[in-house]
């Protein structure tokens, strides 16, 4: 019997670091963009609303060379900046 170490995730990737959950999120963004574009009559604005949400989702979910997504980097930065503000405000660990 072959044992899998705990640190290894069993994730089916379509591309390296890009799995089915990311594809589903992008498809949901396409559907939301389609609904938003149906509310407008101008063709340029329709194209913009249809394409902007999936592009943002793709940029936030695509893994960087260090195998971290841009969205995780932004989330960690926001958490760090909030903790820094609390540290400066209270003068230490609360």
PDB file of N, CA and C in Angstrom:
ATOM      1  N   UNK A   1       0.839  -1.179   0.000  1.00  0.00           N
ATOM      2  CA  UNK A   1       0.000   0.000   0.000  1.00  0.00           C
ATOM      3  C   UNK A   1       0.883   1.241   0.000  1.00  0.00           C
ATOM      4  N   UNK A   2       0.559   2.181  -0.883  1.00  0.00           N
ATOM      5  CA  UNK A   2       1.333   3.405  -1.025  1.00  0.00           C
ATOM      6  C   UNK A   2       0.673   4.513  -0.214  1.00  0.00           C
ATOM      7  N   UNK A   3       1.421   5.116   0.688  1.00  0.00           N
ATOM      8  CA  UNK A   3       0.886   6.195   1.528  1.00  0.00           C
ATOM      9  C   UNK A   3       1.254   7.541   0.927  1.00  0.00           C
ATOM     10  N   UNK A   4       0.284   8.456   0.885  1.00  0.00           N
ATOM     11  CA  UNK A   4       0.505   9.809   0.374  1.00  0.00           C
ATOM     12  C   UNK A   4       0.799  10.723   1.559  1.00  0.00           C
ATOM     13  N   UNK A   5       1.884  11.500   1.520  1.00  0.00           N
ATOM     14  CA  UNK A   5       2.175  12.424   2.633  1.00  0.00           C
ATOM     15  C   UNK A   5       1.065  13.453   2.810  1.00  0.00           C
ATOM     16  N   UNK A   6       0.949  13.984   4.029  1.00  0.00           N
ATOM     17  CA  UNK A   6      -0.130  14.919   4.361  1.00  0.00           C
ATOM     18  C   UNK A   6      -0.003  16.243   3.623  1.00  0.00           C
ATOM     19  N   UNK A   7       1.210  16.659   3.305  1.00  0.00           N
ATOM     20  CA  UNK A   7       1.412  17.977   2.711  1.00  0.00           C
ATOM     21  C   UNK A   7       1.048  18.026   1.229  1.00  0.00           C
ATOM     22  N   UNK A   8       0.850  16.902   0.594  1.00  0.00           N
ATOM     23  CA  UNK A   8       0.544  16.870  -0.835  1.00  0.00           C
ATOM     24  C   UNK A   8      -0.963  16.950  -1.026  1.00  0.00           C
ATOM     25  N   UNK A   9      -1.395  17.916  -1.833  1.00  0.00           N
ATOM     26  CA  UNK A   9      -2.809  18.045  -2.163  1.00  0.00           C
ATOM     27  C   UNK A   9      -3.121  17.179  -3.370  1.00  0.00           C
ATOM     28  N   UNK A  10      -4.265  16.575  -3.357  1.00  0.00           N
ATOM     29  CA  UNK A  10      -4.725  15.811  -4.507  1.00  0.00           C
ATOM     30  C   UNK A  10      -5.652  16.712  -5.306  1.00  0.00           C
ATOM     31  N   UNK A  11      -5.085  17.447  -6.248  1.00  0.00           N
ATOM     32  CA  UNK A  11      -5.844  18.414  -7.027  1.00  0.00           C
ATOM     33  C   UNK A  11      -5.663  18.093  -8.505  1.00  0.00           C
ATOM     34  N   UNK A  12      -6.754  17.959  -9.195  1.00  0.00           N
ATOM     35  CA  UNK A  12      -6.655  17.691 -10.634  1.00  0.00           C
ATOM     36  C   UNK A  12      -6.484  19.015 -11.359  1.00  0.00           C
ATOM     37  N   UNK A  13      -5.340  19.179 -11.980  1.00  0.00           N
ATOM     38  CA  UNK A  13      -5.011  20.422 -12.669  1.00  0.00           C
ATOM     39  C   UNK A  13      -5.236  20.280 -14.167  1.00  0.00           C
ATOM     40  N   UNK A  14      -5.835  21.310 -14.737  1.00  0.00           N
ATOM     41  CA  UNK A  14      -5.957  21.378 -16.187  1.00  0.00           C
ATOM     42  C   UNK A  14      -4.637  21.889 -16.744  1.00  0.00           C
ATOM     43  N   UNK A  15      -4.176  23.016 -16.207  1.00  0.00           N
ATOM     44  CA  UNK A  15      -2.838  23.526 -16.465  1.00  0.00           C
ATOM     45  C   UNK A  15      -2.096  23.446 -15.141  1.00  0.00           C
ATOM     46  N   UNK A  16      -0.825  23.732 -15.145  1.00  0.00           N
ATOM     47  CA  UNK A  16      -0.042  23.670 -13.924  1.00  0.00           C
ATOM     48  C   UNK A  16      -0.537  24.731 -12.943  1.00  0.00           C
ATOM     49  N   UNK A  17      -1.170  24.309 -11.847  1.00  0.00           N
ATOM     50  CA  UNK A  17      -1.687  25.224 -10.836  1.00  0.00           C
ATOM     51  C   UNK A  17      -3.048  25.809 -11.149  1.00  0.00           C
ATOM     52  N   UNK A  18      -3.701  25.355 -12.196  1.00  0.00           N
ATOM     53  CA  UNK A  18      -4.987  25.906 -12.613  1.00  0.00           C
ATOM     54  C   UNK A  18      -5.958  24.749 -12.766  1.00  0.00           C
ATOM     55  N   UNK A  19      -6.859  24.594 -11.777  1.00  0.00           N
ATOM     56  CA  UNK A  19      -7.728  23.429 -11.739  1.00  0.00           C
ATOM     57  C   UNK A  19      -9.169  23.719 -12.107  1.00  0.00           C
ATOM     58  N   UNK A  20     -10.026  22.755 -11.762  1.00  0.00           N
ATOM     59  CA  UNK A  20     -11.438  22.856 -12.109  1.00  0.00           C
ATOM     60  C   UNK A  20     -12.153  23.967 -11.342  1.00  0.00           C
ATOM     61  N   UNK A  21     -11.758  24.218 -10.095  1.00  0.00           N
ATOM     62  CA  UNK A  21     -12.427  25.281  -9.331  1.00  0.00           C
ATOM     63  C   UNK A  21     -12.196  26.643  -9.965  1.00  0.00           C
ATOM     64  N   UNK A  22     -10.990  26.879 -10.473  1.00  0.00           N
ATOM     65  CA  UNK A  22     -10.699  28.149 -11.123  1.00  0.00           C
ATOM     66  C   UNK A  22     -11.506  28.293 -12.414  1.00  0.00           C
ATOM     67  N   UNK A  23     -11.659  27.211 -13.155  1.00  0.00           N
ATOM     68  CA  UNK A  23     -12.443  27.257 -14.387  1.00  0.00           C
ATOM     69  C   UNK A  23     -13.913  27.537 -14.074  1.00  0.00           C
ATOM     70  N   UNK A  24     -14.431  26.927 -13.016  1.00  0.00           N
ATOM     71  CA  UNK A  24     -15.827  27.168 -12.621  1.00  0.00           C
ATOM     72  C   UNK A  24     -16.026  28.619 -12.204  1.00  0.00           C
ATOM     73  N   UNK A  25     -15.083  29.190 -11.472  1.00  0.00           N
ATOM     74  CA  UNK A  25     -15.187  30.595 -11.068  1.00  0.00           C
ATOM     75  C   UNK A  25     -15.184  31.510 -12.289  1.00  0.00           C
ATOM     76  N   UNK A  26     -14.342  31.225 -13.268  1.00  0.00           N
ATOM     77  CA  UNK A  26     -14.299  32.047 -14.477  1.00  0.00           C
ATOM     78  C   UNK A  26     -15.600  31.907 -15.272  1.00  0.00           C
ATOM     79  N   UNK A  27     -16.165  30.711 -15.326  1.00  0.00           N
ATOM     80  CA  UNK A  27     -17.453  30.533 -16.004  1.00  0.00           C
ATOM     81  C   UNK A  27     -18.573  31.306 -15.309  1.00  0.00           C
ATOM     82  N   UNK A  28     -18.558  31.323 -13.988  1.00  0.00           N
ATOM     83  CA  UNK A  28     -19.550  32.112 -13.247  1.00  0.00           C
ATOM     84  C   UNK A  28     -19.374  33.594 -13.561  1.00  0.00           C
ATOM     85  N   UNK A  29     -18.129  34.047 -13.662  1.00  0.00           N
ATOM     86  CA  UNK A  29     -17.885  35.451 -14.020  1.00  0.00           C
ATOM     87  C   UNK A  29     -18.366  35.750 -15.439  1.00  0.00           C
ATOM     88  N   UNK A  30     -18.218  34.796 -16.360  1.00  0.00           N
ATOM     89  CA  UNK A  30     -18.766  34.980 -17.709  1.00  0.00           C
ATOM     90  C   UNK A  30     -20.284  35.142 -17.663  1.00  0.00           C
ATOM     91  N   UNK A  31     -20.954  34.320 -16.853  1.00  0.00           N
ATOM     92  CA  UNK A  31     -22.414  34.412 -16.760  1.00  0.00           C
ATOM     93  C   UNK A  31     -22.858  35.736 -16.150  1.00  0.00           C
ATOM     94  N   UNK A  32     -22.147  36.193 -15.110  1.00  0.00           N
ATOM     95  CA  UNK A  32     -22.480  37.488 -14.505  1.00  0.00           C
ATOM     96  C   UNK A  32     -22.229  38.607 -15.510  1.00  0.00           C
ATOM     97  N   UNK A  33     -21.142  38.530 -16.264  1.00  0.00           N
ATOM     98  CA  UNK A  33     -20.860  39.523 -17.300  1.00  0.00           C
ATOM     99  C   UNK A  33     -21.905  39.523 -18.394  1.00  0.00           C
ATOM    100  N   UNK A  34     -22.393  38.341 -18.748  1.00  0.00           N
ATOM    101  CA  UNK A  34     -23.456  38.247 -19.750  1.00  0.00           C
ATOM    102  C   UNK A  34     -24.737  38.895 -19.245  1.00  0.00           C
ATOM    103  N   UNK A  35     -25.072  38.667 -17.987  1.00  0.00           N
ATOM    104  CA  UNK A  35     -26.274  39.298 -17.403  1.00  0.00           C
ATOM    105  C   UNK A  35     -26.123  40.816 -17.339  1.00  0.00           C
ATOM    106  N   UNK A  36     -24.929  41.298 -16.965  1.00  0.00           N
ATOM    107  CA  UNK A  36     -24.706  42.744 -16.911  1.00  0.00           C
ATOM    108  C   UNK A  36     -24.737  43.365 -18.305  1.00  0.00           C
ATOM    109  N   UNK A  37     -24.206  42.656 -19.292  1.00  0.00           N
ATOM    110  CA  UNK A  37     -24.174  43.231 -20.639  1.00  0.00           C
ATOM    111  C   UNK A  37     -25.561  43.250 -21.279  1.00  0.00           C
ATOM    112  N   UNK A  38     -26.473  42.427 -20.808  1.00  0.00           N
ATOM    113  CA  UNK A  38     -27.820  42.447 -21.375  1.00  0.00           C
ATOM    114  C   UNK A  38     -28.620  43.666 -20.896  1.00  0.00           C
ATOM    115  N   UNK A  39     -28.127  44.344 -19.869  1.00  0.00           N
ATOM    116  CA  UNK A  39     -28.820  45.524 -19.347  1.00  0.00           C
ATOM    117  C   UNK A  39     -28.500  46.807 -20.113  1.00  0.00           C
ATOM    118  N   UNK A  40     -27.495  46.763 -20.992  1.00  0.00           N
ATOM    119  CA  UNK A  40     -27.006  47.952 -21.680  1.00  0.00           C
ATOM    120  C   UNK A  40     -27.261  47.812 -23.179  1.00  0.00           C
ATOM    121  N   UNK A  41     -27.451  48.946 -23.866  1.00  0.00           N
ATOM    122  CA  UNK A  41     -27.731  48.911 -25.305  1.00  0.00           C
ATOM    123  C   UNK A  41     -26.492  49.168 -26.162  1.00  0.00           C
ATOM    124  N   UNK A  42     -25.499  49.889 -25.670  1.00  0.00           N
ATOM    125  CA  UNK A  42     -24.310  50.213 -26.453  1.00  0.00           C
ATOM    126  C   UNK A  42     -23.425  48.970 -26.616  1.00  0.00           C
ATOM    127  N   UNK A  43     -22.942  48.724 -27.842  1.00  0.00           N
ATOM    128  CA  UNK A  43     -22.140  47.530 -28.114  1.00  0.00           C
ATOM    129  C   UNK A  43     -20.784  47.563 -27.428  1.00  0.00           C
ATOM    130  N   UNK A  44     -20.158  48.745 -27.360  1.00  0.00           N
ATOM    131  CA  UNK A  44     -18.854  48.853 -26.717  1.00  0.00           C
ATOM    132  C   UNK A  44     -18.951  48.561 -25.225  1.00  0.00           C
ATOM    133  N   UNK A  45     -19.979  49.083 -24.587  1.00  0.00           N
ATOM    134  CA  UNK A  45     -20.156  48.850 -23.154  1.00  0.00           C
ATOM    135  C   UNK A  45     -20.536  47.395 -22.896  1.00  0.00           C
ATOM    136  N   UNK A  46     -21.322  46.790 -23.794  1.00  0.00           N
ATOM    137  CA  UNK A  46     -21.664  45.375 -23.661  1.00  0.00           C
ATOM    138  C   UNK A  46     -20.413  44.503 -23.696  1.00  0.00           C
ATOM    139  N   UNK A  47     -19.542  44.770 -24.659  1.00  0.00           N
ATOM    140  CA  UNK A  47     -18.305  44.003 -24.770  1.00  0.00           C
ATOM    141  C   UNK A  47     -17.433  44.182 -23.532  1.00  0.00           C
ATOM    142  N   UNK A  48     -17.341  45.423 -23.039  1.00  0.00           N
ATOM    143  CA  UNK A  48     -16.540  45.698 -21.846  1.00  0.00           C
ATOM    144  C   UNK A  48     -17.093  44.960 -20.629  1.00  0.00           C
ATOM    145  N   UNK A  49     -18.403  45.045 -20.401  1.00  0.00           N
ATOM    146  CA  UNK A  49     -19.001  44.386 -19.247  1.00  0.00           C
ATOM    147  C   UNK A  49     -18.929  42.867 -19.355  1.00  0.00           C
ATOM    148  N   UNK A  50     -19.014  42.335 -20.566  1.00  0.00           N
ATOM    149  CA  UNK A  50     -18.940  40.891 -20.753  1.00  0.00           C
ATOM    150  C   UNK A  50     -17.531  40.360 -20.493  1.00  0.00           C
ATOM    151  N   UNK A  51     -16.509  41.162 -20.820  1.00  0.00           N
ATOM    152  CA  UNK A  51     -15.133  40.674 -20.760  1.00  0.00           C
ATOM    153  C   UNK A  51     -14.383  41.046 -19.485  1.00  0.00           C
ATOM    154  N   UNK A  52     -14.785  42.100 -18.788  1.00  0.00           N
ATOM    155  CA  UNK A  52     -13.966  42.595 -17.686  1.00  0.00           C
ATOM    156  C   UNK A  52     -13.961  41.652 -16.481  1.00  0.00           C
ATOM    157  N   UNK A  53     -15.096  41.085 -16.109  1.00  0.00           N
ATOM    158  CA  UNK A  53     -15.133  40.199 -14.938  1.00  0.00           C
ATOM    159  C   UNK A  53     -14.328  38.919 -15.141  1.00  0.00           C
ATOM    160  N   UNK A  54     -14.455  38.214 -16.273  1.00  0.00           N
ATOM    161  CA  UNK A  54     -13.605  37.032 -16.454  1.00  0.00           C
ATOM    162  C   UNK A  54     -12.116  37.356 -16.527  1.00  0.00           C
ATOM    163  N   UNK A  55     -11.767  38.517 -17.108  1.00  0.00           N
ATOM    164  CA  UNK A  55     -10.350  38.894 -17.159  1.00  0.00           C
ATOM    165  C   UNK A  55      -9.806  39.151 -15.768  1.00  0.00           C
ATOM    166  N   UNK A  56     -10.566  39.847 -14.934  1.00  0.00           N
ATOM    167  CA  UNK A  56     -10.128  40.096 -13.555  1.00  0.00           C
ATOM    168  C   UNK A  56     -10.006  38.784 -12.789  1.00  0.00           C
ATOM    169  N   UNK A  57     -10.982  37.886 -12.956  1.00  0.00           N
ATOM    170  CA  UNK A  57     -10.933  36.586 -12.283  1.00  0.00           C
ATOM    171  C   UNK A  57      -9.715  35.784 -12.741  1.00  0.00           C
ATOM    172  N   UNK A  58      -9.418  35.807 -14.029  1.00  0.00           N
ATOM    173  CA  UNK A  58      -8.264  35.072 -14.543  1.00  0.00           C
ATOM    174  C   UNK A  58      -6.966  35.631 -13.968  1.00  0.00           C
ATOM    175  N   UNK A  59      -6.845  36.951 -13.912  1.00  0.00           N
ATOM    176  CA  UNK A  59      -5.635  37.569 -13.371  1.00  0.00           C
ATOM    177  C   UNK A  59      -5.478  37.245 -11.887  1.00  0.00           C
ATOM    178  N   UNK A  60      -6.572  37.262 -11.134  1.00  0.00           N
ATOM    179  CA  UNK A  60      -6.486  36.987  -9.704  1.00  0.00           C
ATOM    180  C   UNK A  60      -6.251  35.511  -9.394  1.00  0.00           C
ATOM    181  N   UNK A  61      -6.659  34.610 -10.282  1.00  0.00           N
ATOM    182  CA  UNK A  61      -6.554  33.175 -10.008  1.00  0.00           C
ATOM    183  C   UNK A  61      -5.363  32.490 -10.661  1.00  0.00           C
ATOM    184  N   UNK A  62      -4.732  33.111 -11.637  1.00  0.00           N
ATOM    185  CA  UNK A  62      -3.627  32.465 -12.338  1.00  0.00           C
ATOM    186  C   UNK A  62      -2.393  32.430 -11.444  1.00  0.00           C
ATOM    187  N   UNK A  63      -1.750  31.271 -11.292  1.00  0.00           N
ATOM    188  CA  UNK A  63      -0.600  31.176 -10.383  1.00  0.00           C
ATOM    189  C   UNK A  63       0.636  31.883 -10.941  1.00  0.00           C
ATOM    190  N   UNK A  64       1.343  32.559 -10.050  1.00  0.00           N
ATOM    191  CA  UNK A  64       2.594  33.217 -10.394  1.00  0.00           C
ATOM    192  C   UNK A  64       3.719  32.179 -10.382  1.00  0.00           C
ATOM    193  N   UNK A  65       4.940  32.547 -10.794  1.00  0.00           N
ATOM    194  CA  UNK A  65       6.035  31.557 -10.820  1.00  0.00           C
ATOM    195  C   UNK A  65       6.362  30.930  -9.453  1.00  0.00           C
ATOM    196  N   UNK A  66       6.076  31.621  -8.355  1.00  0.00           N
ATOM    197  CA  UNK A  66       6.329  31.040  -7.041  1.00  0.00           C
ATOM    198  C   UNK A  66       5.128  30.241  -6.531  1.00  0.00           C
ATOM    199  N   UNK A  67       4.186  29.893  -7.427  1.00  0.00           N
ATOM    200  CA  UNK A  67       3.009  29.066  -7.163  1.00  0.00           C
ATOM    201  C   UNK A  67       2.039  29.713  -6.179  1.00  0.00           C
ATOM    202  N   UNK A  68       1.976  31.023  -6.172  1.00  0.00           N
ATOM    203  CA  UNK A  68       1.024  31.776  -5.368  1.00  0.00           C
ATOM    204  C   UNK A  68       0.206  32.633  -6.326  1.00  0.00           C
ATOM    205  N   UNK A  69      -1.094  32.756  -6.069  1.00  0.00           N
ATOM    206  CA  UNK A  69      -1.921  33.573  -6.952  1.00  0.00           C
ATOM    207  C   UNK A  69      -1.837  35.042  -6.544  1.00  0.00           C
ATOM    208  N   UNK A  70      -2.163  35.902  -7.487  1.00  0.00           N
ATOM    209  CA  UNK A  70      -2.136  37.342  -7.238  1.00  0.00           C
ATOM    210  C   UNK A  70      -3.197  37.721  -6.204  1.00  0.00           C
ATOM    211  N   UNK A  71      -4.340  37.030  -6.228  1.00  0.00           N
ATOM    212  CA  UNK A  71      -5.391  37.283  -5.240  1.00  0.00           C
ATOM    213  C   UNK A  71      -4.941  36.956  -3.833  1.00  0.00           C
ATOM    214  N   UNK A  72      -4.208  35.847  -3.646  1.00  0.00           N
ATOM    215  CA  UNK A  72      -3.685  35.508  -2.318  1.00  0.00           C
ATOM    216  C   UNK A  72      -2.662  36.527  -1.850  1.00  0.00           C
ATOM    217  N   UNK A  73      -1.855  37.032  -2.790  1.00  0.00           N
ATOM    218  CA  UNK A  73      -0.869  38.047  -2.433  1.00  0.00           C
ATOM    219  C   UNK A  73      -1.559  39.321  -1.948  1.00  0.00           C
ATOM    220  N   UNK A  74      -2.611  39.748  -2.623  1.00  0.00           N
ATOM    221  CA  UNK A  74      -3.364  40.937  -2.205  1.00  0.00           C
ATOM    222  C   UNK A  74      -4.010  40.700  -0.845  1.00  0.00           C
ATOM    223  N   UNK A  75      -4.586  39.504  -0.641  1.00  0.00           N
ATOM    224  CA  UNK A  75      -5.230  39.189   0.633  1.00  0.00           C
ATOM    225  C   UNK A  75      -4.217  39.206   1.782  1.00  0.00           C
ATOM    226  N   UNK A  76      -3.045  38.620   1.574  1.00  0.00           N
ATOM    227  CA  UNK A  76      -2.011  38.618   2.614  1.00  0.00           C
ATOM    228  C   UNK A  76      -1.512  40.030   2.893  1.00  0.00           C
ATOM    229  N   UNK A  77      -1.394  40.860   1.846  1.00  0.00           N
ATOM    230  CA  UNK A  77      -0.959  42.235   2.053  1.00  0.00           C
ATOM    231  C   UNK A  77      -1.975  43.019   2.877  1.00  0.00           C
ATOM    232  N   UNK A  78      -3.273  42.839   2.594  1.00  0.00           N
ATOM    233  CA  UNK A  78      -4.299  43.552   3.364  1.00  0.00           C
ATOM    234  C   UNK A  78      -4.313  43.106   4.824  1.00  0.00           C
ATOM    235  N   UNK A  79      -4.174  41.816   5.066  1.00  0.00           N
ATOM    236  CA  UNK A  79      -4.117  41.322   6.442  1.00  0.00           C
ATOM    237  C   UNK A  79      -2.893  41.884   7.155  1.00  0.00           C
ATOM    238  N   UNK A  80      -1.742  41.913   6.468  1.00  0.00           N
ATOM    239  CA  UNK A  80      -0.527  42.459   7.051  1.00  0.00           C
ATOM    240  C   UNK A  80      -0.685  43.942   7.394  1.00  0.00           C
ATOM    241  N   UNK A  81      -1.278  44.718   6.486  1.00  0.00           N
ATOM    242  CA  UNK A  81      -1.415  46.152   6.743  1.00  0.00           C
ATOM    243  C   UNK A  81      -2.386  46.417   7.893  1.00  0.00           C
ATOM    244  N   UNK A  82      -3.437  45.610   8.023  1.00  0.00           N
ATOM    245  CA  UNK A  82      -4.363  45.768   9.153  1.00  0.00           C
ATOM    246  C   UNK A  82      -3.672  45.436  10.460  1.00  0.00           C
ATOM    247  N   UNK A  83      -2.864  44.375  10.466  1.00  0.00           N
ATOM    248  CA  UNK A  83      -2.137  44.014  11.684  1.00  0.00           C
ATOM    249  C   UNK A  83      -1.112  45.078  12.046  1.00  0.00           C
ATOM    250  N   UNK A  84      -0.484  45.689  11.040  1.00  0.00           N
ATOM    251  CA  UNK A  84       0.473  46.758  11.311  1.00  0.00           C
ATOM    252  C   UNK A  84      -0.221  47.968  11.932  1.00  0.00           C
ATOM    253  N   UNK A  85      -1.409  48.304  11.430  1.00  0.00           N
ATOM    254  CA  UNK A  85      -2.150  49.436  11.993  1.00  0.00           C
ATOM    255  C   UNK A  85      -2.534  49.148  13.439  1.00  0.00           C
ATOM    256  N   UNK A  86      -2.969  47.916  13.727  1.00  0.00           N
ATOM    257  CA  UNK A  86      -3.318  47.558  15.099  1.00  0.00           C
ATOM    258  C   UNK A  86      -2.094  47.584  15.999  1.00  0.00           C
ATOM    259  N   UNK A  87      -0.946  47.152  15.483  1.00  0.00           N
ATOM    260  CA  UNK A  87       0.281  47.170  16.272  1.00  0.00           C
ATOM    261  C   UNK A  87       0.681  48.595  16.613  1.00  0.00           C
ATOM    262  N   UNK A  88       0.576  49.513  15.633  1.00  0.00           N
ATOM    263  CA  UNK A  88       0.920  50.908  15.878  1.00  0.00           C
ATOM    264  C   UNK A  88      -0.089  51.569  16.808  1.00  0.00           C
ATOM    265  N   UNK A  89      -1.363  51.174  16.698  1.00  0.00           N
ATOM    266  CA  UNK A  89      -2.405  51.788  17.497  1.00  0.00           C
ATOM    267  C   UNK A  89      -2.309  51.378  18.953  1.00  0.00           C
ATOM    268  N   UNK A  90      -2.079  50.084  19.209  1.00  0.00           N
ATOM    269  CA  UNK A  90      -2.068  49.588  20.584  1.00  0.00           C
ATOM    270  C   UNK A  90      -0.666  49.468  21.169  1.00  0.00           C
ATOM    271  N   UNK A  91       0.346  49.637  20.352  1.00  0.00           N
ATOM    272  CA  UNK A  91       1.710  49.641  20.856  1.00  0.00           C
ATOM    273  C   UNK A  91       2.261  48.261  21.186  1.00  0.00           C
ATOM    274  N   UNK A  92       1.687  47.235  20.703  1.00  0.00           N
ATOM    275  CA  UNK A  92       2.185  45.892  20.957  1.00  0.00           C
ATOM    276  C   UNK A  92       1.173  44.860  20.534  1.00  0.00           C
ATOM    277  N   UNK A  93       1.409  43.654  20.929  1.00  0.00           N
ATOM    278  CA  UNK A  93       0.501  42.572  20.590  1.00  0.00           C
ATOM    279  C   UNK A  93      -0.694  42.624  21.514  1.00  0.00           C
ATOM    280  N   UNK A  94      -1.876  42.611  20.926  1.00  0.00           N
ATOM    281  CA  UNK A  94      -3.087  42.676  21.759  1.00  0.00           C
ATOM    282  C   UNK A  94      -3.682  41.326  21.956  1.00  0.00           C
TER     283      UNK A  94
END
